Amino acid sequence: MFLVSGPDLVVECCKAGLAGTFPALNQRSSAGFDEWLCEIEERCGQDAAPYGVNLIVHKSNPRVEADLEICVKHKVPLVITSLGAVPDLVAAVHSYGGLAFHDVVQRRHAEKAAEAGVDGIIGVAAGAGGHAGTLSPFALLSEIREVFDGPLILSGAMSHGRHIAAAQMMGAQFGYLGSHFIAAAESMASDPQKQMMIASGAKDITYTDKVTGVGANFLAPSLAEATLPDGHGEMTLNDEARAWKTIWSSGHGVGATRAVRSAAAICEQLIAEYRAARAAFCE
């Protein structure tokens, strides 16, 4: 959800009963990130679901320490880390009672996350939008369970409430959705990006490391219209922001997005579908 999710989308999801999250780097500065957290907290109030922040824990992110301090100041309920599981960061989140979850695409990453003391692991399986793995969700969840007995969250092509129910049947506790909200009315995605989402299906998704150096799923039409980086050296955050602004990401579940709708409507449908699927399983 890089450059896509912001306060409007997060708040509406939380008010609808789902935990809304966003990357800290979607705000261009740490000061702006601080302001966003103030806005989210004020608008959500006491009755909404908890919100979360994604921190990129990598040497290419010079803001990680400053943004972590801001998360601690605001006591962000859920901090999701990517590209590095750091014990000190987990300890900082635990210092105020927050939860730290970590994205993984393979068993080795799950082992490191468990050693760092995370509260939950997000299995980013094949078909997920953005930086994603290539393992089947069946294999990925099974391998993570061999090294971690805490809460598991499954990501990868989820676009229906029954997918969340199915993830629970497979041993996960939660589902993790992103692409399905890109075309939400409250998303920061441009109108052309939303329309490309609506017009696309799974066949239009290309997995490549040519954009950022790390394997990710992108909408093929946006790749065709863009000039890819030359691949020499490590991308800076500014390089990544420029790349993701015109090369748009989505997961294999893009075919379920057929209109621009409010986040509340999307959440309401997901919840209803999930409940119906759970009821059917219990019959």
Protein backbone atom coordinates (compact mmCIF):
# COMPACT_ATOMS: atom_id res chain seq x y z
CA MET A 1 0.00 0.00 0.00
CA PHE A 2 3.00 2.29 -0.55
CA LEU A 3 1.70 5.71 -1.67
CA VAL A 4 -1.89 4.39 -1.43
CA SER A 5 -3.11 4.27 2.19
CA GLY A 6 -3.42 7.34 4.39
CA PRO A 7 -5.58 8.70 7.21
CA ASP A 8 -8.87 8.62 5.28
CA LEU A 9 -8.57 4.95 4.33
CA VAL A 10 -7.21 3.90 7.74
CA VAL A 11 -9.92 5.73 9.69
CA GLU A 12 -12.80 4.40 7.59
CA CYS A 13 -11.55 0.81 7.87
CA CYS A 14 -11.12 1.12 11.64
CA LYS A 15 -14.58 2.63 12.05
CA ALA A 16 -16.00 -0.28 10.03
CA GLY A 17 -14.42 -2.79 12.41
CA LEU A 18 -11.25 -3.81 10.56
CA ALA A 19 -7.72 -2.83 11.61
CA GLY A 20 -6.51 -0.21 9.13
CA THR A 21 -2.78 0.19 8.58
CA PHE A 22 -0.44 2.32 6.46
CA PRO A 23 3.29 2.64 5.74
CA ALA A 24 4.94 5.47 7.67
CA LEU A 25 6.74 6.44 4.47
CA ASN A 26 3.44 7.35 2.82
CA GLN A 27 3.97 10.66 4.61
CA ARG A 28 6.91 12.52 3.11
CA SER A 29 8.45 13.50 6.46
CA SER A 30 8.58 12.28 10.05
CA ALA A 31 6.90 15.52 11.13
CA GLY A 32 4.07 14.84 8.71
CA PHE A 33 3.87 11.25 9.94
CA ASP A 34 3.42 12.56 13.49
CA GLU A 35 0.59 14.80 12.28
CA TRP A 36 -1.10 11.87 10.53
CA LEU A 37 -1.09 9.83 13.75
CA CYS A 38 -2.68 12.73 15.64
CA GLU A 39 -5.37 12.96 12.96
CA ILE A 40 -6.05 9.21 12.92
CA GLU A 41 -6.34 9.04 16.71
CA GLU A 42 -8.67 12.03 16.87
CA ARG A 43 -10.95 10.79 14.08
CA CYS A 44 -11.08 7.16 15.23
CA GLY A 45 -12.03 7.90 18.81
CA GLN A 46 -12.49 5.13 21.37
CA ASP A 47 -14.89 2.78 19.58
CA ALA A 48 -12.98 2.02 16.37
CA ALA A 49 -10.78 -0.99 15.73
CA PRO A 50 -7.05 -0.47 16.43
CA TYR A 51 -4.84 0.98 13.70
CA GLY A 52 -1.32 0.04 12.68
CA VAL A 53 1.81 1.41 11.03
CA ASN A 54 4.24 -0.35 8.72
CA LEU A 55 7.93 0.45 9.23
CA ILE A 56 10.55 -0.48 6.63
CA VAL A 57 13.47 -1.75 8.71
CA HIS A 58 16.29 -1.47 6.19
CA LYS A 59 19.47 0.56 5.85
CA SER A 60 17.93 2.35 2.86
CA ASN A 61 15.36 3.94 5.20
CA PRO A 62 17.03 6.81 7.11
CA ARG A 63 13.75 7.60 8.90
CA VAL A 64 13.22 4.31 10.72
CA GLU A 65 14.58 5.49 14.10
CA ALA A 66 12.74 8.81 14.02
CA ASP A 67 9.49 7.16 12.93
CA LEU A 68 9.83 4.49 15.62
CA GLU A 69 10.21 7.22 18.26
CA ILE A 70 6.98 8.76 16.99
CA CYS A 71 5.23 5.38 17.15
CA VAL A 72 6.36 5.02 20.78
CA LYS A 73 5.18 8.56 21.57
CA HIS A 74 1.73 7.81 20.17
CA LYS A 75 1.66 4.25 21.53
CA VAL A 76 0.68 2.89 18.11
CA PRO A 77 -1.29 -0.30 18.84
CA LEU A 78 0.22 -2.36 16.01
CA VAL A 79 3.62 -1.90 14.36
CA ILE A 80 4.30 -4.03 11.28
CA THR A 81 7.92 -4.37 10.22
CA SER A 82 9.27 -5.33 6.81
CA LEU A 83 12.73 -6.11 5.43
CA GLY A 84 14.28 -6.74 8.83
CA ALA A 85 13.31 -8.07 12.26
CA VAL A 86 15.17 -6.09 14.95
CA PRO A 87 14.94 -7.07 18.66
CA ASP A 88 15.50 -3.48 19.83
CA LEU A 89 12.57 -2.27 17.72
CA VAL A 90 10.33 -5.02 19.10
CA ALA A 91 11.38 -4.09 22.64
CA ALA A 92 10.53 -0.43 21.97
CA VAL A 93 7.02 -1.40 20.84
CA HIS A 94 6.60 -3.70 23.84
CA SER A 95 7.69 -0.91 26.18
CA TYR A 96 4.27 0.72 25.95
CA GLY A 97 2.22 -2.45 25.42
CA GLY A 98 2.07 -2.37 21.63
CA LEU A 99 2.18 -5.39 19.33
CA ALA A 100 4.91 -6.01 16.75
CA PHE A 101 4.15 -8.12 13.68
CA HIS A 102 6.64 -8.95 10.94
CA ASP A 103 6.26 -9.69 7.21
CA VAL A 104 7.96 -12.89 6.00
CA VAL A 105 8.07 -14.75 2.69
CA GLN A 106 9.97 -17.85 3.81
CA ARG A 107 10.86 -19.96 6.82
CA ARG A 108 14.28 -18.35 7.40
CA HIS A 109 12.67 -14.94 7.82
CA ALA A 110 10.14 -16.43 10.24
CA GLU A 111 12.96 -17.90 12.34
CA LYS A 112 14.64 -14.51 12.60
CA ALA A 113 11.35 -12.84 13.48
CA ALA A 114 10.67 -15.40 16.22
CA GLU A 115 14.17 -14.83 17.62
CA ALA A 116 13.50 -11.07 17.66
CA GLY A 117 10.46 -11.66 19.86
CA VAL A 118 7.67 -10.51 17.55
CA ASP A 119 4.07 -11.01 18.64
CA GLY A 120 2.82 -12.17 15.26
CA ILE A 121 4.08 -13.16 11.83
CA ILE A 122 2.51 -12.18 8.51
CA GLY A 123 3.02 -14.83 5.84
CA VAL A 124 3.22 -12.99 2.52
CA ALA A 125 2.43 -15.80 0.10
CA ALA A 126 2.44 -16.02 -3.69
CA GLY A 127 -0.02 -13.65 -5.29
CA ALA A 128 0.22 -10.87 -2.72
CA GLY A 129 0.48 -7.30 -3.90
CA GLY A 130 3.70 -5.36 -3.50
CA HIS A 131 6.82 -7.15 -2.29
CA ALA A 132 5.67 -10.75 -2.14
CA GLY A 133 6.94 -14.28 -1.85
CA THR A 134 6.53 -17.13 -4.28
CA LEU A 135 5.45 -19.92 -1.94
CA SER A 136 1.97 -21.41 -1.84
CA PRO A 137 0.08 -20.28 1.27
CA PHE A 138 -0.28 -23.96 2.27
CA ALA A 139 3.49 -24.47 2.24
CA LEU A 140 4.31 -21.09 3.76
CA LEU A 141 1.96 -21.40 6.73
CA SER A 142 3.12 -24.96 7.41
CA GLU A 143 6.78 -23.96 7.43
CA ILE A 144 6.17 -20.92 9.62
CA ARG A 145 4.27 -23.07 12.12
CA GLU A 146 7.34 -25.28 12.53
CA VAL A 147 9.27 -22.36 14.03
CA PHE A 148 6.59 -20.05 15.47
CA ASP A 149 3.57 -20.86 17.64
CA GLY A 150 2.13 -17.36 17.96
CA PRO A 151 -0.51 -15.55 15.90
CA LEU A 152 -0.23 -15.94 12.13
CA ILE A 153 -1.66 -13.60 9.54
CA LEU A 154 -1.97 -14.70 5.91
CA SER A 155 -1.51 -12.40 2.94
CA GLY A 156 -1.89 -13.21 -0.74
CA ALA A 157 -4.70 -12.55 -3.25
CA MET A 158 -7.38 -12.11 -0.58
CA SER A 159 -10.45 -10.27 -1.80
CA HIS A 160 -13.44 -12.10 -0.28
CA GLY A 161 -14.59 -12.82 3.25
CA ARG A 162 -14.42 -16.54 2.59
CA HIS A 163 -10.69 -16.15 1.93
CA ILE A 164 -10.22 -14.92 5.51
CA ALA A 165 -12.27 -17.85 6.80
CA ALA A 166 -10.19 -20.22 4.69
CA ALA A 167 -6.99 -18.75 6.13
CA GLN A 168 -8.27 -19.58 9.61
CA MET A 169 -9.08 -23.13 8.51
CA MET A 170 -5.45 -23.38 7.39
CA GLY A 171 -4.14 -22.34 10.81
CA ALA A 172 -3.85 -18.57 10.53
CA GLN A 173 -5.73 -16.27 12.90
CA PHE A 174 -6.22 -13.30 10.56
CA GLY A 175 -6.27 -12.26 6.91
CA TYR A 176 -4.21 -9.38 5.52
CA LEU A 177 -5.69 -7.47 2.57
CA GLY A 178 -4.28 -4.58 0.57
CA SER A 179 -5.01 -4.66 -3.16
CA HIS A 180 -8.76 -4.85 -2.66
CA PHE A 181 -8.65 -1.38 -1.05
CA ILE A 182 -6.55 0.37 -3.70
CA ALA A 183 -9.67 1.37 -5.62
CA ALA A 184 -11.47 2.51 -2.46
CA ALA A 185 -12.84 6.03 -2.63
CA GLU A 186 -10.60 7.02 0.31
CA SER A 187 -7.42 5.57 -1.18
CA MET A 188 -4.65 7.97 -2.24
CA ALA A 189 -4.23 6.10 -5.54
CA SER A 190 -4.79 8.23 -8.64
CA ASP A 191 -7.93 7.84 -10.74
CA PRO A 192 -5.95 6.20 -13.59
CA GLN A 193 -4.51 3.68 -11.13
CA LYS A 194 -7.96 2.88 -9.77
CA GLN A 195 -9.35 2.45 -13.27
CA MET A 196 -6.49 0.12 -14.20
CA MET A 197 -7.29 -1.95 -11.12
CA ILE A 198 -10.94 -2.18 -12.16
CA ALA A 199 -10.02 -3.22 -15.72
CA SER A 200 -7.44 -5.85 -14.71
CA GLY A 201 -7.47 -9.51 -13.78
CA ALA A 202 -4.93 -12.01 -12.45
CA LYS A 203 -3.49 -12.43 -15.96
CA ASP A 204 -2.42 -8.79 -15.86
CA ILE A 205 -0.08 -9.23 -12.88
CA THR A 206 3.68 -9.55 -13.44
CA TYR A 207 6.15 -10.63 -10.76
CA THR A 208 9.54 -8.98 -11.15
CA ASP A 209 12.54 -7.65 -9.22
CA LYS A 210 13.37 -5.15 -11.97
CA VAL A 211 11.58 -2.24 -10.29
CA THR A 212 13.06 -2.19 -6.76
CA GLY A 213 15.54 -5.07 -6.69
CA VAL A 214 13.13 -7.18 -4.61
CA GLY A 215 10.49 -9.42 -6.16
CA ALA A 216 7.07 -7.78 -6.28
CA ASN A 217 3.78 -8.04 -8.17
CA PHE A 218 2.86 -5.20 -10.52
CA LEU A 219 0.10 -4.38 -12.97
CA ALA A 220 1.55 -5.29 -16.37
CA PRO A 221 -0.04 -2.34 -18.21
CA SER A 222 1.74 0.10 -15.89
CA LEU A 223 5.02 -1.73 -16.44
CA ALA A 224 4.56 -1.48 -20.20
CA GLU A 225 4.10 2.28 -19.97
CA ALA A 226 7.11 2.90 -17.71
CA THR A 227 10.88 2.97 -18.03
CA LEU A 228 12.33 0.50 -15.54
CA PRO A 229 15.37 1.35 -13.40
CA ASP A 230 18.69 0.05 -14.75
CA GLY A 231 19.13 -2.22 -11.73
CA HIS A 232 22.60 -0.91 -10.82
CA GLY A 233 23.09 -0.22 -7.13
CA GLU A 234 20.54 0.09 -4.34
CA MET A 235 17.50 2.30 -4.77
CA THR A 236 17.04 5.24 -2.43
CA LEU A 237 13.64 6.00 -0.92
CA ASN A 238 13.20 8.82 -3.43
CA ASP A 239 13.98 6.40 -6.26
CA GLU A 240 11.38 3.97 -4.92
CA ALA A 241 8.76 6.68 -4.53
CA ARG A 242 9.26 7.75 -8.14
CA ALA A 243 9.06 4.15 -9.33
CA TRP A 244 5.91 3.23 -7.37
CA LYS A 245 4.17 6.46 -8.41
CA THR A 246 3.91 5.31 -12.04
CA ILE A 247 4.49 1.54 -11.79
CA TRP A 248 1.47 0.27 -9.91
CA SER A 249 1.30 -2.80 -7.75
CA SER A 250 -1.50 -5.27 -7.13
CA GLY A 251 -1.96 -8.88 -6.12
CA HIS A 252 -3.54 -11.76 -8.01
CA GLY A 253 -6.91 -10.95 -6.45
CA VAL A 254 -7.26 -7.79 -8.56
CA GLY A 255 -10.09 -9.34 -10.57
CA ALA A 256 -12.46 -8.92 -7.63
CA THR A 257 -12.18 -5.11 -7.87
CA ARG A 258 -14.83 -3.90 -10.26
CA ALA A 259 -15.78 -0.43 -9.04
CA VAL A 260 -14.64 2.47 -6.88
CA ARG A 261 -16.46 1.99 -3.58
CA SER A 262 -16.20 3.39 -0.08
CA ALA A 263 -13.91 1.61 2.36
CA ALA A 264 -16.90 1.16 4.67
CA ALA A 265 -18.82 -0.68 1.94
CA ILE A 266 -15.85 -2.93 1.19
CA CYS A 267 -15.42 -3.74 4.89
CA GLU A 268 -19.14 -4.40 5.37
CA GLN A 269 -19.14 -6.85 2.47
CA LEU A 270 -16.02 -8.65 3.69
CA ILE A 271 -17.47 -9.04 7.18
CA ALA A 272 -20.78 -10.37 5.83
CA GLU A 273 -18.99 -12.82 3.50
CA TYR A 274 -16.73 -13.99 6.31
CA ARG A 275 -19.64 -14.64 8.65
CA ALA A 276 -21.54 -16.53 5.95
CA ALA A 277 -18.48 -18.69 5.21
CA ARG A 278 -17.95 -19.48 8.90
CA ALA A 279 -21.61 -20.43 9.26
CA ALA A 280 -21.39 -22.71 6.22
CA PHE A 281 -18.31 -24.45 7.64
CA CYS A 282 -20.17 -25.17 10.86
CA GLU A 283 -23.23 -26.74 9.17
